[in-house]
Amino acid sequence: MYAIVDFVKEKAADGTLPCEIVHMSWLSPDMKFCSWPGNSQYCRAFKKGDIPGDGWKKVAVHVKYFSSELNLLKRVSKRLNLNPRRSL
């Protein structure tokens, strides 16, 4: 399962929130926090399906959508013109 999340504490100058597609296993049980590998490690960690490790940061998020279909979430993200941190 995957989720599109907004990073709620990282508002850009234009008022938008960065977002990203993450593995559901990266989310806390209450879905208010995400373990984040860091921008430079995101693509590798996502593609490998890494589980959160000691060096990952815990960041506040808002879950916008979730699905078992990655391609569906990619289409939703593109259609809504969301502001991704990184590209897959």
PDB file of N, CA and C in Angstrom:
ATOM      1  N   MET A   1       0.839  -1.183   0.000  1.00  0.00           N
ATOM      2  CA  MET A   1       0.000   0.000   0.000  1.00  0.00           C
ATOM      3  C   MET A   1       0.881   1.243   0.000  1.00  0.00           C
ATOM      4  N   TYR A   2       0.325   2.286  -0.598  1.00  0.00           N
ATOM      5  CA  TYR A   2       1.030   3.554  -0.739  1.00  0.00           C
ATOM      6  C   TYR A   2       0.107   4.697  -0.327  1.00  0.00           C
ATOM      7  N   ALA A   3       0.702   5.838  -0.018  1.00  0.00           N
ATOM      8  CA  ALA A   3      -0.084   7.016   0.332  1.00  0.00           C
ATOM      9  C   ALA A   3       0.563   8.257  -0.257  1.00  0.00           C
ATOM     10  N   ILE A   4      -0.276   9.227  -0.621  1.00  0.00           N
ATOM     11  CA  ILE A   4       0.209  10.566  -0.951  1.00  0.00           C
ATOM     12  C   ILE A   4       0.060  11.372   0.328  1.00  0.00           C
ATOM     13  N   VAL A   5       1.170  11.964   0.766  1.00  0.00           N
ATOM     14  CA  VAL A   5       1.146  12.747   1.999  1.00  0.00           C
ATOM     15  C   VAL A   5       1.645  14.166   1.753  1.00  0.00           C
ATOM     16  N   ASP A   6       1.067  15.115   2.489  1.00  0.00           N
ATOM     17  CA  ASP A   6       1.568  16.482   2.549  1.00  0.00           C
ATOM     18  C   ASP A   6       2.497  16.572   3.750  1.00  0.00           C
ATOM     19  N   PHE A   7       3.597  17.283   3.588  1.00  0.00           N
ATOM     20  CA  PHE A   7       4.513  17.542   4.696  1.00  0.00           C
ATOM     21  C   PHE A   7       4.066  18.856   5.332  1.00  0.00           C
ATOM     22  N   VAL A   8       3.295  18.764   6.402  1.00  0.00           N
ATOM     23  CA  VAL A   8       2.542  19.901   6.933  1.00  0.00           C
ATOM     24  C   VAL A   8       3.388  20.999   7.564  1.00  0.00           C
ATOM     25  N   LYS A   9       4.596  20.741   7.929  1.00  0.00           N
ATOM     26  CA  LYS A   9       5.439  21.760   8.574  1.00  0.00           C
ATOM     27  C   LYS A   9       6.418  22.402   7.598  1.00  0.00           C
ATOM     28  N   GLU A  10       6.218  22.169   6.292  1.00  0.00           N
ATOM     29  CA  GLU A  10       7.181  22.654   5.300  1.00  0.00           C
ATOM     30  C   GLU A  10       6.518  23.519   4.233  1.00  0.00           C
ATOM     31  N   LYS A  11       5.695  24.452   4.645  1.00  0.00           N
ATOM     32  CA  LYS A  11       4.978  25.301   3.706  1.00  0.00           C
ATOM     33  C   LYS A  11       5.957  26.150   2.900  1.00  0.00           C
ATOM     34  N   ALA A  12       5.756  26.163   1.590  1.00  0.00           N
ATOM     35  CA  ALA A  12       6.596  26.958   0.695  1.00  0.00           C
ATOM     36  C   ALA A  12       6.165  28.424   0.747  1.00  0.00           C
ATOM     37  N   ALA A  13       6.972  29.300   0.177  1.00  0.00           N
ATOM     38  CA  ALA A  13       6.679  30.733   0.168  1.00  0.00           C
ATOM     39  C   ALA A  13       5.343  31.034  -0.516  1.00  0.00           C
ATOM     40  N   ASP A  14       4.969  30.214  -1.497  1.00  0.00           N
ATOM     41  CA  ASP A  14       3.702  30.433  -2.207  1.00  0.00           C
ATOM     42  C   ASP A  14       2.508  29.803  -1.486  1.00  0.00           C
ATOM     43  N   GLY A  15       2.739  29.238  -0.308  1.00  0.00           N
ATOM     44  CA  GLY A  15       1.657  28.667   0.486  1.00  0.00           C
ATOM     45  C   GLY A  15       1.366  27.197   0.227  1.00  0.00           C
ATOM     46  N   THR A  16       2.048  26.608  -0.760  1.00  0.00           N
ATOM     47  CA  THR A  16       1.814  25.198  -1.049  1.00  0.00           C
ATOM     48  C   THR A  16       2.601  24.320  -0.074  1.00  0.00           C
ATOM     49  N   LEU A  17       2.138  23.091   0.057  1.00  0.00           N
ATOM     50  CA  LEU A  17       2.824  22.110   0.896  1.00  0.00           C
ATOM     51  C   LEU A  17       3.486  21.074   0.006  1.00  0.00           C
ATOM     52  N   PRO A  18       4.755  20.747   0.260  1.00  0.00           N
ATOM     53  CA  PRO A  18       5.363  19.663  -0.508  1.00  0.00           C
ATOM     54  C   PRO A  18       4.664  18.348  -0.165  1.00  0.00           C
ATOM     55  N   CYS A  19       4.625  17.475  -1.127  1.00  0.00           N
ATOM     56  CA  CYS A  19       3.979  16.179  -0.918  1.00  0.00           C
ATOM     57  C   CYS A  19       4.841  15.095  -1.551  1.00  0.00           C
ATOM     58  N   GLU A  20       4.496  13.854  -1.247  1.00  0.00           N
ATOM     59  CA  GLU A  20       5.216  12.736  -1.848  1.00  0.00           C
ATOM     60  C   GLU A  20       4.384  11.472  -1.698  1.00  0.00           C
ATOM     61  N   ILE A  21       4.703  10.497  -2.527  1.00  0.00           N
ATOM     62  CA  ILE A  21       4.123   9.160  -2.392  1.00  0.00           C
ATOM     63  C   ILE A  21       5.069   8.361  -1.505  1.00  0.00           C
ATOM     64  N   VAL A  22       4.520   7.740  -0.470  1.00  0.00           N
ATOM     65  CA  VAL A  22       5.325   6.953   0.466  1.00  0.00           C
ATOM     66  C   VAL A  22       4.689   5.591   0.675  1.00  0.00           C
ATOM     67  N   HIS A  23       5.471   4.666   1.164  1.00  0.00           N
ATOM     68  CA  HIS A  23       4.946   3.353   1.553  1.00  0.00           C
ATOM     69  C   HIS A  23       4.129   3.520   2.829  1.00  0.00           C
ATOM     70  N   MET A  24       3.024   2.815   2.931  1.00  0.00           N
ATOM     71  CA  MET A  24       2.202   2.881   4.143  1.00  0.00           C
ATOM     72  C   MET A  24       3.003   2.451   5.367  1.00  0.00           C
ATOM     73  N   SER A  25       3.979   1.572   5.179  1.00  0.00           N
ATOM     74  CA  SER A  25       4.797   1.117   6.309  1.00  0.00           C
ATOM     75  C   SER A  25       5.657   2.244   6.877  1.00  0.00           C
ATOM     76  N   TRP A  26       5.781   3.346   6.153  1.00  0.00           N
ATOM     77  CA  TRP A  26       6.541   4.487   6.637  1.00  0.00           C
ATOM     78  C   TRP A  26       5.710   5.372   7.558  1.00  0.00           C
ATOM     79  N   LEU A  27       4.388   5.145   7.579  1.00  0.00           N
ATOM     80  CA  LEU A  27       3.490   5.977   8.374  1.00  0.00           C
ATOM     81  C   LEU A  27       3.322   5.428   9.784  1.00  0.00           C
ATOM     82  N   SER A  28       3.101   6.341  10.729  1.00  0.00           N
ATOM     83  CA  SER A  28       2.799   5.932  12.100  1.00  0.00           C
ATOM     84  C   SER A  28       1.396   5.317  12.118  1.00  0.00           C
ATOM     85  N   PRO A  29       1.071   4.534  13.155  1.00  0.00           N
ATOM     86  CA  PRO A  29      -0.259   3.906  13.219  1.00  0.00           C
ATOM     87  C   PRO A  29      -1.417   4.906  13.124  1.00  0.00           C
ATOM     88  N   ASP A  30      -1.238   6.123  13.654  1.00  0.00           N
ATOM     89  CA  ASP A  30      -2.309   7.125  13.576  1.00  0.00           C
ATOM     90  C   ASP A  30      -2.259   7.941  12.275  1.00  0.00           C
ATOM     91  N   MET A  31      -1.292   7.656  11.408  1.00  0.00           N
ATOM     92  CA  MET A  31      -1.098   8.296  10.105  1.00  0.00           C
ATOM     93  C   MET A  31      -0.849   9.802  10.200  1.00  0.00           C
ATOM     94  N   LYS A  32      -0.300  10.263  11.321  1.00  0.00           N
ATOM     95  CA  LYS A  32       0.008  11.684  11.474  1.00  0.00           C
ATOM     96  C   LYS A  32       1.482  11.981  11.280  1.00  0.00           C
ATOM     97  N   PHE A  33       2.300  10.934  11.242  1.00  0.00           N
ATOM     98  CA  PHE A  33       3.745  11.093  11.070  1.00  0.00           C
ATOM     99  C   PHE A  33       4.254  10.087  10.050  1.00  0.00           C
ATOM    100  N   CYS A  34       5.330  10.468   9.394  1.00  0.00           N
ATOM    101  CA  CYS A  34       5.958   9.614   8.397  1.00  0.00           C
ATOM    102  C   CYS A  34       7.440   9.523   8.721  1.00  0.00           C
ATOM    103  N   SER A  35       7.991   8.331   8.658  1.00  0.00           N
ATOM    104  CA  SER A  35       9.435   8.172   8.745  1.00  0.00           C
ATOM    105  C   SER A  35       9.982   8.524   7.366  1.00  0.00           C
ATOM    106  N   TRP A  36      10.929   9.452   7.337  1.00  0.00           N
ATOM    107  CA  TRP A  36      11.442   9.985   6.071  1.00  0.00           C
ATOM    108  C   TRP A  36      12.931   9.722   5.968  1.00  0.00           C
ATOM    109  N   PRO A  37      13.368   9.059   4.865  1.00  0.00           N
ATOM    110  CA  PRO A  37      14.791   8.713   4.727  1.00  0.00           C
ATOM    111  C   PRO A  37      15.689   9.892   4.374  1.00  0.00           C
ATOM    112  N   GLY A  38      15.096  11.015   4.032  1.00  0.00           N
ATOM    113  CA  GLY A  38      15.861  12.173   3.576  1.00  0.00           C
ATOM    114  C   GLY A  38      15.700  12.326   2.075  1.00  0.00           C
ATOM    115  N   ASN A  39      15.731  13.554   1.599  1.00  0.00           N
ATOM    116  CA  ASN A  39      15.504  13.801   0.176  1.00  0.00           C
ATOM    117  C   ASN A  39      16.481  13.058  -0.720  1.00  0.00           C
ATOM    118  N   SER A  40      17.754  13.017  -0.325  1.00  0.00           N
ATOM    119  CA  SER A  40      18.757  12.387  -1.185  1.00  0.00           C
ATOM    120  C   SER A  40      18.633  10.865  -1.210  1.00  0.00           C
ATOM    121  N   GLN A  41      18.003  10.287  -0.211  1.00  0.00           N
ATOM    122  CA  GLN A  41      17.855   8.830  -0.136  1.00  0.00           C
ATOM    123  C   GLN A  41      16.472   8.340  -0.533  1.00  0.00           C
ATOM    124  N   TYR A  42      15.536   9.273  -0.758  1.00  0.00           N
ATOM    125  CA  TYR A  42      14.145   8.897  -0.986  1.00  0.00           C
ATOM    126  C   TYR A  42      13.956   7.908  -2.146  1.00  0.00           C
ATOM    127  N   CYS A  43      14.447   8.255  -3.322  1.00  0.00           N
ATOM    128  CA  CYS A  43      14.188   7.412  -4.506  1.00  0.00           C
ATOM    129  C   CYS A  43      14.688   5.989  -4.309  1.00  0.00           C
ATOM    130  N   ARG A  44      15.901   5.848  -3.799  1.00  0.00           N
ATOM    131  CA  ARG A  44      16.448   4.512  -3.580  1.00  0.00           C
ATOM    132  C   ARG A  44      15.625   3.760  -2.535  1.00  0.00           C
ATOM    133  N   ALA A  45      15.312   4.428  -1.432  1.00  0.00           N
ATOM    134  CA  ALA A  45      14.565   3.777  -0.352  1.00  0.00           C
ATOM    135  C   ALA A  45      13.169   3.393  -0.816  1.00  0.00           C
ATOM    136  N   PHE A  46      12.537   4.256  -1.602  1.00  0.00           N
ATOM    137  CA  PHE A  46      11.186   3.955  -2.084  1.00  0.00           C
ATOM    138  C   PHE A  46      11.205   2.768  -3.028  1.00  0.00           C
ATOM    139  N   LYS A  47      12.101   2.796  -4.005  1.00  0.00           N
ATOM    140  CA  LYS A  47      12.155   1.723  -5.000  1.00  0.00           C
ATOM    141  C   LYS A  47      12.489   0.374  -4.380  1.00  0.00           C
ATOM    142  N   LYS A  48      13.332   0.378  -3.339  1.00  0.00           N
ATOM    143  CA  LYS A  48      13.701  -0.875  -2.675  1.00  0.00           C
ATOM    144  C   LYS A  48      12.668  -1.300  -1.639  1.00  0.00           C
ATOM    145  N   GLY A  49      11.747  -0.399  -1.292  1.00  0.00           N
ATOM    146  CA  GLY A  49      10.758  -0.714  -0.274  1.00  0.00           C
ATOM    147  C   GLY A  49      11.372  -0.815   1.115  1.00  0.00           C
ATOM    148  N   ASP A  50      12.420   0.003   1.337  1.00  0.00           N
ATOM    149  CA  ASP A  50      13.109  -0.035   2.629  1.00  0.00           C
ATOM    150  C   ASP A  50      12.144   0.193   3.793  1.00  0.00           C
ATOM    151  N   ILE A  51      12.454  -0.443   4.899  1.00  0.00           N
ATOM    152  CA  ILE A  51      11.712  -0.163   6.124  1.00  0.00           C
ATOM    153  C   ILE A  51      12.464   0.929   6.876  1.00  0.00           C
ATOM    154  N   PRO A  52      11.744   1.783   7.607  1.00  0.00           N
ATOM    155  CA  PRO A  52      12.406   2.893   8.300  1.00  0.00           C
ATOM    156  C   PRO A  52      13.540   2.421   9.201  1.00  0.00           C
ATOM    157  N   GLY A  53      14.625   3.190   9.170  1.00  0.00           N
ATOM    158  CA  GLY A  53      15.801   2.868   9.972  1.00  0.00           C
ATOM    159  C   GLY A  53      16.117   3.959  10.981  1.00  0.00           C
ATOM    160  N   ASP A  54      17.187   3.774  11.703  1.00  0.00           N
ATOM    161  CA  ASP A  54      17.576   4.709  12.758  1.00  0.00           C
ATOM    162  C   ASP A  54      17.856   6.115  12.240  1.00  0.00           C
ATOM    163  N   GLY A  55      18.382   6.251  11.048  1.00  0.00           N
ATOM    164  CA  GLY A  55      18.736   7.558  10.510  1.00  0.00           C
ATOM    165  C   GLY A  55      17.576   8.316   9.872  1.00  0.00           C
ATOM    166  N   TRP A  56      16.393   7.740   9.879  1.00  0.00           N
ATOM    167  CA  TRP A  56      15.241   8.382   9.260  1.00  0.00           C
ATOM    168  C   TRP A  56      14.624   9.385  10.220  1.00  0.00           C
ATOM    169  N   LYS A  57      14.141  10.509   9.678  1.00  0.00           N
ATOM    170  CA  LYS A  57      13.485  11.525  10.492  1.00  0.00           C
ATOM    171  C   LYS A  57      11.985  11.221  10.581  1.00  0.00           C
ATOM    172  N   LYS A  58      11.391  11.600  11.687  1.00  0.00           N
ATOM    173  CA  LYS A  58       9.947  11.490  11.862  1.00  0.00           C
ATOM    174  C   LYS A  58       9.367  12.871  11.583  1.00  0.00           C
ATOM    175  N   VAL A  59       8.534  12.981  10.537  1.00  0.00           N
ATOM    176  CA  VAL A  59       7.984  14.272  10.140  1.00  0.00           C
ATOM    177  C   VAL A  59       6.456  14.229  10.152  1.00  0.00           C
ATOM    178  N   ALA A  60       5.856  15.367  10.477  1.00  0.00           N
ATOM    179  CA  ALA A  60       4.397  15.479  10.507  1.00  0.00           C
ATOM    180  C   ALA A  60       3.858  15.497   9.077  1.00  0.00           C
ATOM    181  N   VAL A  61       2.794  14.723   8.849  1.00  0.00           N
ATOM    182  CA  VAL A  61       2.186  14.653   7.518  1.00  0.00           C
ATOM    183  C   VAL A  61       0.664  14.655   7.632  1.00  0.00           C
ATOM    184  N   HIS A  62       0.046  14.918   6.491  1.00  0.00           N
ATOM    185  CA  HIS A  62      -1.403  14.755   6.330  1.00  0.00           C
ATOM    186  C   HIS A  62      -1.586  13.809   5.155  1.00  0.00           C
ATOM    187  N   VAL A  63      -2.263  12.689   5.381  1.00  0.00           N
ATOM    188  CA  VAL A  63      -2.495  11.718   4.310  1.00  0.00           C
ATOM    189  C   VAL A  63      -3.640  12.223   3.445  1.00  0.00           C
ATOM    190  N   LYS A  64      -3.367  12.391   2.146  1.00  0.00           N
ATOM    191  CA  LYS A  64      -4.384  12.863   1.207  1.00  0.00           C
ATOM    192  C   LYS A  64      -5.119  11.703   0.544  1.00  0.00           C
ATOM    193  N   TYR A  65      -4.383  10.698   0.109  1.00  0.00           N
ATOM    194  CA  TYR A  65      -4.941   9.539  -0.593  1.00  0.00           C
ATOM    195  C   TYR A  65      -4.106   8.321  -0.252  1.00  0.00           C
ATOM    196  N   PHE A  66      -4.715   7.147  -0.363  1.00  0.00           N
ATOM    197  CA  PHE A  66      -3.930   5.923  -0.279  1.00  0.00           C
ATOM    198  C   PHE A  66      -4.535   4.880  -1.193  1.00  0.00           C
ATOM    199  N   SER A  67      -3.673   3.977  -1.667  1.00  0.00           N
ATOM    200  CA  SER A  67      -4.088   2.943  -2.608  1.00  0.00           C
ATOM    201  C   SER A  67      -3.017   1.858  -2.666  1.00  0.00           C
ATOM    202  N   SER A  68      -3.423   0.696  -3.117  1.00  0.00           N
ATOM    203  CA  SER A  68      -2.458  -0.373  -3.353  1.00  0.00           C
ATOM    204  C   SER A  68      -1.838  -0.240  -4.742  1.00  0.00           C
ATOM    205  N   GLU A  69      -2.380   0.669  -5.563  1.00  0.00           N
ATOM    206  CA  GLU A  69      -1.905   0.848  -6.932  1.00  0.00           C
ATOM    207  C   GLU A  69      -1.038   2.098  -7.056  1.00  0.00           C
ATOM    208  N   LEU A  70       0.260   1.896  -7.178  1.00  0.00           N
ATOM    209  CA  LEU A  70       1.204   3.003  -7.291  1.00  0.00           C
ATOM    210  C   LEU A  70       0.902   3.870  -8.510  1.00  0.00           C
ATOM    211  N   ASN A  71       0.623   3.256  -9.650  1.00  0.00           N
ATOM    212  CA  ASN A  71       0.359   4.038 -10.860  1.00  0.00           C
ATOM    213  C   ASN A  71      -0.866   4.923 -10.716  1.00  0.00           C
ATOM    214  N   LEU A  72      -1.858   4.466  -9.980  1.00  0.00           N
ATOM    215  CA  LEU A  72      -3.046   5.282  -9.729  1.00  0.00           C
ATOM    216  C   LEU A  72      -2.660   6.534  -8.936  1.00  0.00           C
ATOM    217  N   LEU A  73      -1.852   6.375  -7.899  1.00  0.00           N
ATOM    218  CA  LEU A  73      -1.429   7.527  -7.103  1.00  0.00           C
ATOM    219  C   LEU A  73      -0.557   8.480  -7.911  1.00  0.00           C
ATOM    220  N   LYS A  74       0.253   7.952  -8.799  1.00  0.00           N
ATOM    221  CA  LYS A  74       1.054   8.824  -9.668  1.00  0.00           C
ATOM    222  C   LYS A  74       0.144   9.659 -10.564  1.00  0.00           C
ATOM    223  N   ARG A  75      -0.906   9.033 -11.107  1.00  0.00           N
ATOM    224  CA  ARG A  75      -1.855   9.774 -11.960  1.00  0.00           C
ATOM    225  C   ARG A  75      -2.601  10.830 -11.153  1.00  0.00           C
ATOM    226  N   VAL A  76      -3.031  10.482  -9.947  1.00  0.00           N
ATOM    227  CA  VAL A  76      -3.734  11.437  -9.080  1.00  0.00           C
ATOM    228  C   VAL A  76      -2.831  12.618  -8.781  1.00  0.00           C
ATOM    229  N   SER A  77      -1.599  12.338  -8.425  1.00  0.00           N
ATOM    230  CA  SER A  77      -0.633  13.395  -8.107  1.00  0.00           C
ATOM    231  C   SER A  77      -0.441  14.331  -9.291  1.00  0.00           C
ATOM    232  N   LYS A  78      -0.307  13.774 -10.475  1.00  0.00           N
ATOM    233  CA  LYS A  78      -0.099  14.577 -11.680  1.00  0.00           C
ATOM    234  C   LYS A  78      -1.357  15.385 -12.011  1.00  0.00           C
ATOM    235  N   ARG A  79      -2.523  14.744 -11.919  1.00  0.00           N
ATOM    236  CA  ARG A  79      -3.780  15.406 -12.255  1.00  0.00           C
ATOM    237  C   ARG A  79      -4.059  16.584 -11.319  1.00  0.00           C
ATOM    238  N   LEU A  80      -3.741  16.419 -10.043  1.00  0.00           N
ATOM    239  CA  LEU A  80      -3.993  17.473  -9.068  1.00  0.00           C
ATOM    240  C   LEU A  80      -2.874  18.494  -9.000  1.00  0.00           C
ATOM    241  N   ASN A  81      -1.826  18.279  -9.812  1.00  0.00           N
ATOM    242  CA  ASN A  81      -0.689  19.184  -9.858  1.00  0.00           C
ATOM    243  C   ASN A  81      -0.103  19.411  -8.468  1.00  0.00           C
ATOM    244  N   LEU A  82       0.112  18.299  -7.756  1.00  0.00           N
ATOM    245  CA  LEU A  82       0.673  18.376  -6.419  1.00  0.00           C
ATOM    246  C   LEU A  82       2.143  18.755  -6.494  1.00  0.00           C
ATOM    247  N   ASN A  83       2.687  19.206  -5.422  1.00  0.00           N
ATOM    248  CA  ASN A  83       4.046  19.736  -5.351  1.00  0.00           C
ATOM    249  C   ASN A  83       4.997  18.698  -4.754  1.00  0.00           C
ATOM    250  N   PRO A  84       5.488  17.729  -5.563  1.00  0.00           N
ATOM    251  CA  PRO A  84       6.330  16.671  -4.988  1.00  0.00           C
ATOM    252  C   PRO A  84       7.695  17.174  -4.540  1.00  0.00           C
ATOM    253  N   ARG A  85       8.196  16.552  -3.478  1.00  0.00           N
ATOM    254  CA  ARG A  85       9.556  16.831  -3.006  1.00  0.00           C
ATOM    255  C   ARG A  85      10.561  16.270  -3.998  1.00  0.00           C
ATOM    256  N   ARG A  86      10.324  15.044  -4.421  1.00  0.00           N
ATOM    257  CA  ARG A  86      11.231  14.311  -5.314  1.00  0.00           C
ATOM    258  C   ARG A  86      10.386  13.625  -6.373  1.00  0.00           C
ATOM    259  N   SER A  87      10.984  13.183  -7.442  1.00  0.00           N
ATOM    260  CA  SER A  87      10.267  12.441  -8.473  1.00  0.00           C
ATOM    261  C   SER A  87      10.699  10.995  -8.460  1.00  0.00           C
ATOM    262  N   LEU A  88       9.739  10.133  -8.646  1.00  0.00           N
ATOM    263  CA  LEU A  88      10.043   8.698  -8.748  1.00  0.00           C
ATOM    264  C   LEU A  88      10.390   8.348 -10.172  1.00  0.00           C
TER     265      LEU A  88
END
